[in-house]
């Protein structure tokens, strides 16, 4: 009984202490300007998430135009828009010429911090979040990310993240961020072979299962009454292969690596082509099997 009472008192005290700390953390987070840089090869963009109360009397359109004009002094802006969220306004700018070099797995990006965040006060807190391909390795100014105060949280999808938190002044003191990246070619080609290998697995599965379906109905014509149910049942494995292929594409990092390694158009073909081919194989085999079954049953 005493132990139970002590536990309740302890939990109550922890809640009292933790509540102000949580409130402070939320307040600090709401005060923070968040800047996101996406450099994954196909769509490269900057996103500025600015708390609404920091706009004061400045209209959102005017804020967007102001940031865009600053960025346009160094980059070509392909498109820009903003959207309001619960506590922030997110300004997105698509950058046409972000990469200085993107050839044979070698990547170079230069970002002058004065142009990127110089429109904010030097003492303002800022979070800089950089998204890159999971199959690429980067250094900043020839240094490791951790040495410059970046954290690298674990991610499960095609991108990897680098997050920096501090005052705007700390970024401005670094002047220009020279990002040098390299795609892990060994991993890239191994994963690519595995990704295209799904086509062979799908081909074999469709061939064997469609033949098995055909034999099951031909050997026992009564099964024709349940043909649609049997047909769906035998297609479960090929459909699962397609789902597995899509999951592998995303989790392996190939979706972003293809965009970095190949030119526009070819990267889309490499991403979509194998999945589209596997989708086409599914009805090709089973529709052909259905046609053969009907023909053979009519000849009986």
Protein backbone atom coordinates (compact mmCIF):
# COMPACT_ATOMS: atom_id res chain seq x y z
CA UNK A 1 0.00 0.00 0.00
CA UNK A 2 2.81 2.36 0.95
CA UNK A 3 4.74 1.49 -2.21
CA UNK A 4 1.63 2.22 -4.30
CA UNK A 5 1.12 5.61 -2.63
CA UNK A 6 4.78 6.54 -3.06
CA UNK A 7 4.59 5.61 -6.75
CA UNK A 8 1.52 7.80 -7.28
CA UNK A 9 3.15 10.74 -5.48
CA UNK A 10 6.34 10.32 -7.53
CA UNK A 11 4.37 10.23 -10.81
CA UNK A 12 2.44 13.33 -9.73
CA UNK A 13 5.67 15.24 -8.99
CA UNK A 14 7.19 14.17 -12.33
CA UNK A 15 4.05 15.39 -14.14
CA UNK A 16 4.22 18.78 -12.37
CA UNK A 17 7.91 19.21 -13.27
CA UNK A 18 7.56 17.90 -16.81
CA UNK A 19 4.55 20.04 -17.73
CA UNK A 20 6.38 23.42 -17.67
CA UNK A 21 9.33 21.88 -19.52
CA UNK A 22 7.01 20.57 -22.23
CA UNK A 23 5.33 23.96 -22.50
CA UNK A 24 8.74 25.66 -22.82
CA UNK A 25 9.80 23.17 -25.50
CA UNK A 26 6.59 23.78 -27.46
CA UNK A 27 7.00 27.54 -27.18
CA UNK A 28 10.61 27.36 -28.36
CA UNK A 29 9.60 25.12 -31.26
CA UNK A 30 6.85 27.54 -32.27
CA UNK A 31 9.35 30.43 -32.27
CA UNK A 32 11.72 28.54 -34.55
CA UNK A 33 11.93 29.09 -38.31
CA UNK A 34 12.35 25.77 -40.11
CA UNK A 35 14.13 25.52 -43.45
CA UNK A 36 14.15 22.29 -45.44
CA UNK A 37 16.47 21.58 -48.37
CA UNK A 38 15.54 18.66 -50.58
CA UNK A 39 18.35 17.52 -52.89
CA UNK A 40 17.29 14.11 -54.18
CA UNK A 41 17.87 14.70 -57.87
CA UNK A 42 14.45 15.00 -59.50
CA UNK A 43 12.57 17.67 -57.55
CA UNK A 44 14.96 19.91 -55.66
CA UNK A 45 13.31 22.50 -53.46
CA UNK A 46 13.56 24.71 -50.38
CA UNK A 47 10.73 24.87 -47.85
CA UNK A 48 10.53 27.70 -45.30
CA UNK A 49 8.15 27.06 -42.39
CA UNK A 50 7.62 30.39 -40.67
CA UNK A 51 5.40 30.69 -37.55
CA UNK A 52 2.37 32.85 -38.26
CA UNK A 53 3.04 35.25 -35.39
CA UNK A 54 6.48 36.09 -36.85
CA UNK A 55 4.84 37.50 -39.97
CA UNK A 56 3.41 40.38 -37.94
CA UNK A 57 1.61 42.57 -40.53
CA UNK A 58 3.42 41.20 -43.58
CA UNK A 59 1.01 39.48 -46.04
CA UNK A 60 1.92 35.91 -46.99
CA UNK A 61 2.24 36.81 -50.68
CA UNK A 62 4.66 39.62 -49.86
CA UNK A 63 6.71 37.29 -47.65
CA UNK A 64 6.83 34.69 -50.46
CA UNK A 65 7.90 37.28 -53.04
CA UNK A 66 10.58 38.63 -50.69
CA UNK A 67 12.14 35.20 -50.07
CA UNK A 68 11.90 34.32 -53.76
CA UNK A 69 13.66 37.50 -54.87
CA UNK A 70 16.52 36.75 -52.45
CA UNK A 71 16.86 33.16 -53.66
CA UNK A 72 16.58 34.24 -57.31
CA UNK A 73 19.78 36.27 -56.91
CA UNK A 74 21.67 32.95 -56.85
CA UNK A 75 19.37 30.19 -58.20
CA UNK A 76 16.81 29.80 -60.95
CA UNK A 77 13.39 29.43 -59.32
CA UNK A 78 11.26 27.03 -61.35
CA UNK A 79 8.07 27.31 -59.30
CA UNK A 80 6.91 28.72 -55.96
CA UNK A 81 3.84 28.52 -53.76
CA UNK A 82 2.81 28.75 -50.12
CA UNK A 83 0.25 27.02 -47.93
CA UNK A 84 -1.01 27.82 -44.47
CA UNK A 85 -0.79 25.23 -41.73
CA UNK A 86 -2.04 25.24 -38.14
CA UNK A 87 0.70 27.43 -36.69
CA UNK A 88 3.08 27.92 -39.65
CA UNK A 89 3.04 29.09 -43.22
CA UNK A 90 5.07 26.82 -45.52
CA UNK A 91 6.76 28.52 -48.50
CA UNK A 92 8.07 26.12 -51.16
CA UNK A 93 10.52 27.10 -53.91
CA UNK A 94 11.58 24.64 -56.60
CA UNK A 95 15.22 25.17 -57.58
CA UNK A 96 16.17 24.38 -61.17
CA UNK A 97 19.97 24.60 -60.89
CA UNK A 98 20.69 23.37 -57.36
CA UNK A 99 23.33 20.83 -58.43
CA UNK A 100 26.63 22.18 -59.72
CA UNK A 101 27.64 18.64 -60.66
CA UNK A 102 25.56 15.49 -61.04
CA UNK A 103 27.48 12.97 -63.11
CA UNK A 104 28.45 9.29 -62.69
CA UNK A 105 27.46 9.32 -59.05
CA UNK A 106 29.49 12.43 -58.18
CA UNK A 107 27.43 15.29 -56.72
CA UNK A 108 28.22 18.88 -55.83
CA UNK A 109 25.96 21.54 -54.29
CA UNK A 110 27.00 24.97 -53.00
CA UNK A 111 24.64 26.89 -50.69
CA UNK A 112 25.53 30.44 -49.57
CA UNK A 113 23.94 30.66 -46.12
CA UNK A 114 23.57 34.44 -46.40
CA UNK A 115 21.20 33.97 -49.36
CA UNK A 116 19.47 30.96 -47.78
CA UNK A 117 18.70 32.41 -44.31
CA UNK A 118 20.06 35.96 -44.37
CA UNK A 119 16.51 37.36 -44.45
CA UNK A 120 16.06 36.36 -40.78
CA UNK A 121 17.56 37.97 -37.68
CA UNK A 122 21.03 36.67 -36.78
CA UNK A 123 19.97 35.74 -33.24
CA UNK A 124 16.77 33.99 -34.37
CA UNK A 125 16.64 30.23 -33.70
CA UNK A 126 16.52 28.13 -36.85
CA UNK A 127 16.25 24.49 -37.82
CA UNK A 128 17.91 23.46 -41.07
CA UNK A 129 16.78 20.08 -42.34
CA UNK A 130 18.47 18.53 -45.37
CA UNK A 131 17.01 15.58 -47.28
CA UNK A 132 19.33 13.49 -49.41
CA UNK A 133 19.28 10.04 -50.99
CA UNK A 134 19.82 7.08 -48.66
CA UNK A 135 22.35 5.58 -51.11
CA UNK A 136 24.51 8.72 -51.13
CA UNK A 137 27.24 9.85 -48.74
CA UNK A 138 27.86 13.56 -48.17
CA UNK A 139 30.40 15.84 -46.56
CA UNK A 140 30.04 19.59 -45.90
CA UNK A 141 33.10 21.74 -46.51
CA UNK A 142 35.10 18.45 -46.52
CA UNK A 143 34.00 17.84 -42.91
CA UNK A 144 31.74 15.25 -41.33
CA UNK A 145 28.18 16.47 -40.65
CA UNK A 146 28.50 15.85 -36.91
CA UNK A 147 31.54 18.14 -36.73
CA UNK A 148 29.36 21.02 -37.95
CA UNK A 149 26.54 20.34 -35.50
CA UNK A 150 24.25 18.31 -37.75
CA UNK A 151 22.32 15.33 -36.39
CA UNK A 152 21.38 12.35 -38.56
CA UNK A 153 18.16 10.72 -37.33
CA UNK A 154 17.29 7.23 -38.52
CA UNK A 155 14.94 7.08 -41.50
CA UNK A 156 13.10 4.15 -43.09
CA UNK A 157 12.43 5.47 -46.56
CA UNK A 158 14.43 6.55 -49.62
CA UNK A 159 15.76 9.71 -47.99
CA UNK A 160 18.25 10.30 -45.24
CA UNK A 161 18.04 13.41 -43.06
CA UNK A 162 20.57 15.82 -41.64
CA UNK A 163 19.23 18.30 -39.07
CA UNK A 164 20.96 21.42 -37.73
CA UNK A 165 19.56 23.54 -34.91
CA UNK A 166 21.02 26.80 -33.69
CA UNK A 167 21.00 30.55 -34.26
CA UNK A 168 21.01 32.01 -37.77
CA UNK A 169 24.34 33.62 -36.90
CA UNK A 170 25.97 30.19 -36.46
CA UNK A 171 25.07 29.28 -40.04
CA UNK A 172 26.10 32.66 -41.44
CA UNK A 173 29.53 32.27 -39.83
CA UNK A 174 30.09 29.21 -42.05
CA UNK A 175 29.44 31.43 -45.09
CA UNK A 176 29.00 28.79 -47.83
CA UNK A 177 28.04 25.16 -47.44
CA UNK A 178 29.92 23.08 -50.01
CA UNK A 179 28.10 19.74 -50.13
CA UNK A 180 30.06 16.97 -51.84
CA UNK A 181 28.19 13.73 -52.38
CA UNK A 182 28.97 10.30 -53.76
CA UNK A 183 26.53 7.52 -54.58
CA UNK A 184 27.53 4.12 -53.16
CA UNK A 185 27.94 2.43 -56.54
CA UNK A 186 28.35 -1.07 -55.13
CA UNK A 187 25.10 -0.87 -53.18
CA UNK A 188 23.40 0.99 -56.00
CA UNK A 189 24.13 -1.65 -58.64
CA UNK A 190 23.41 -4.55 -56.26
CA UNK A 191 20.03 -3.08 -55.31
CA UNK A 192 19.31 -2.32 -58.97
CA UNK A 193 19.91 -5.97 -59.91
CA UNK A 194 17.62 -7.09 -57.08
CA UNK A 195 14.98 -4.58 -58.18
CA UNK A 196 15.03 -5.80 -61.78
CA UNK A 197 15.18 -9.37 -60.47
CA UNK A 198 11.54 -8.97 -59.40
CA UNK A 199 10.66 -9.20 -63.10
CA UNK A 200 12.16 -12.69 -63.33
CA UNK A 201 10.40 -13.77 -60.13
CA UNK A 202 7.09 -12.40 -61.45
CA UNK A 203 7.58 -14.12 -64.82
CA UNK A 204 8.23 -17.47 -63.15
CA UNK A 205 5.34 -17.08 -60.67
CA UNK A 206 2.82 -16.10 -63.36
CA UNK A 207 3.96 -18.94 -65.63
CA UNK A 208 3.74 -21.65 -62.95
CA UNK A 209 0.51 -20.43 -61.30
CA UNK A 210 -1.39 -19.87 -64.55
CA UNK A 211 -0.45 -23.39 -65.68
CA UNK A 212 -1.50 -24.77 -62.30
CA UNK A 213 -4.85 -22.97 -62.58
CA UNK A 214 -5.34 -24.36 -66.08
CA UNK A 215 -4.61 -27.96 -64.98
CA UNK A 216 -6.92 -27.63 -61.95
CA UNK A 217 -9.88 -26.63 -64.12
CA UNK A 218 -9.17 -28.94 -67.07
CA UNK A 219 -8.74 -31.97 -64.80
CA UNK A 220 -11.94 -31.12 -62.94
CA UNK A 221 -14.35 -29.08 -65.15
CA UNK A 222 -16.63 -28.59 -62.13
CA UNK A 223 -14.12 -26.00 -60.90
CA UNK A 224 -15.21 -23.76 -63.78
CA UNK A 225 -18.20 -22.75 -61.63
CA UNK A 226 -15.72 -21.25 -59.14
CA UNK A 227 -13.27 -20.02 -61.77
CA UNK A 228 -13.33 -16.35 -60.75
CA UNK A 229 -12.59 -17.22 -57.11
CA UNK A 230 -9.77 -19.59 -58.15
CA UNK A 231 -8.41 -17.01 -60.56
CA UNK A 232 -8.18 -14.37 -57.81
CA UNK A 233 -6.65 -16.90 -55.41
CA UNK A 234 -3.85 -17.82 -57.83
CA UNK A 235 -3.11 -14.14 -58.50
CA UNK A 236 -2.41 -13.36 -54.84
CA UNK A 237 1.27 -14.33 -55.13
CA UNK A 238 1.97 -12.19 -58.26
CA UNK A 239 0.17 -9.23 -56.65
CA UNK A 240 2.26 -9.71 -53.49
CA UNK A 241 5.42 -9.67 -55.65
CA UNK A 242 4.39 -6.30 -57.13
CA UNK A 243 3.73 -4.88 -53.64
CA UNK A 244 7.09 -6.23 -52.44
CA UNK A 245 8.79 -4.63 -55.44
CA UNK A 246 7.32 -1.20 -54.64
CA UNK A 247 8.28 -1.52 -50.95
CA UNK A 248 11.83 -2.53 -51.92
CA UNK A 249 12.09 0.47 -54.28
CA UNK A 250 11.18 2.86 -51.47
CA UNK A 251 13.06 1.29 -48.55
CA UNK A 252 16.26 0.56 -50.49
CA UNK A 253 16.72 4.19 -51.52
CA UNK A 254 16.68 3.39 -55.25
CA UNK A 255 13.83 5.79 -55.93
CA UNK A 256 16.02 8.78 -55.12
CA UNK A 257 19.31 7.21 -56.30
CA UNK A 258 17.94 6.65 -59.83
CA UNK A 259 17.09 10.37 -60.00
CA UNK A 260 20.62 11.31 -58.96
CA UNK A 261 22.45 8.86 -61.21
CA UNK A 262 20.45 9.15 -64.44
CA UNK A 263 19.22 12.13 -66.43
CA UNK A 264 15.58 13.23 -66.41
CA UNK A 265 13.36 10.80 -68.29
CA UNK A 266 15.71 7.85 -67.95
CA UNK A 267 15.35 7.94 -64.15
CA UNK A 268 11.55 7.78 -64.47
CA UNK A 269 11.86 4.82 -66.84
CA UNK A 270 14.13 3.01 -64.38
CA UNK A 271 11.73 3.67 -61.49
CA UNK A 272 8.41 2.92 -63.18
CA UNK A 273 9.46 0.48 -65.93
CA UNK A 274 10.00 -2.71 -63.85
CA UNK A 275 6.80 -2.17 -61.83
CA UNK A 276 4.77 -1.48 -64.97
CA UNK A 277 6.18 -4.60 -66.64
CA UNK A 278 5.25 -6.76 -63.65
CA UNK A 279 1.72 -5.33 -63.69
CA UNK A 280 1.42 -6.15 -67.40
CA UNK A 281 2.68 -9.72 -66.89
CA UNK A 282 -0.13 -10.50 -64.44
CA UNK A 283 -3.15 -10.21 -66.78
CA UNK A 284 -1.12 -11.41 -69.78
CA UNK A 285 -0.58 -14.88 -68.30
CA UNK A 286 -3.93 -15.29 -66.56
CA UNK A 287 -6.09 -13.95 -69.42
CA UNK A 288 -4.21 -16.27 -71.78
CA UNK A 289 -4.78 -19.17 -69.37
CA UNK A 290 -8.51 -18.39 -69.18
CA UNK A 291 -8.72 -18.33 -72.98
CA UNK A 292 -6.94 -21.68 -73.25
CA UNK A 293 -9.19 -23.23 -70.58
CA UNK A 294 -12.36 -22.11 -72.39
CA UNK A 295 -11.04 -23.40 -75.70
CA UNK A 296 -10.06 -26.83 -74.33
CA UNK A 297 -13.34 -27.26 -72.41
CA UNK A 298 -15.29 -26.48 -75.56
CA UNK A 299 -13.32 -29.16 -77.41
CA UNK A 300 -14.15 -31.83 -74.83
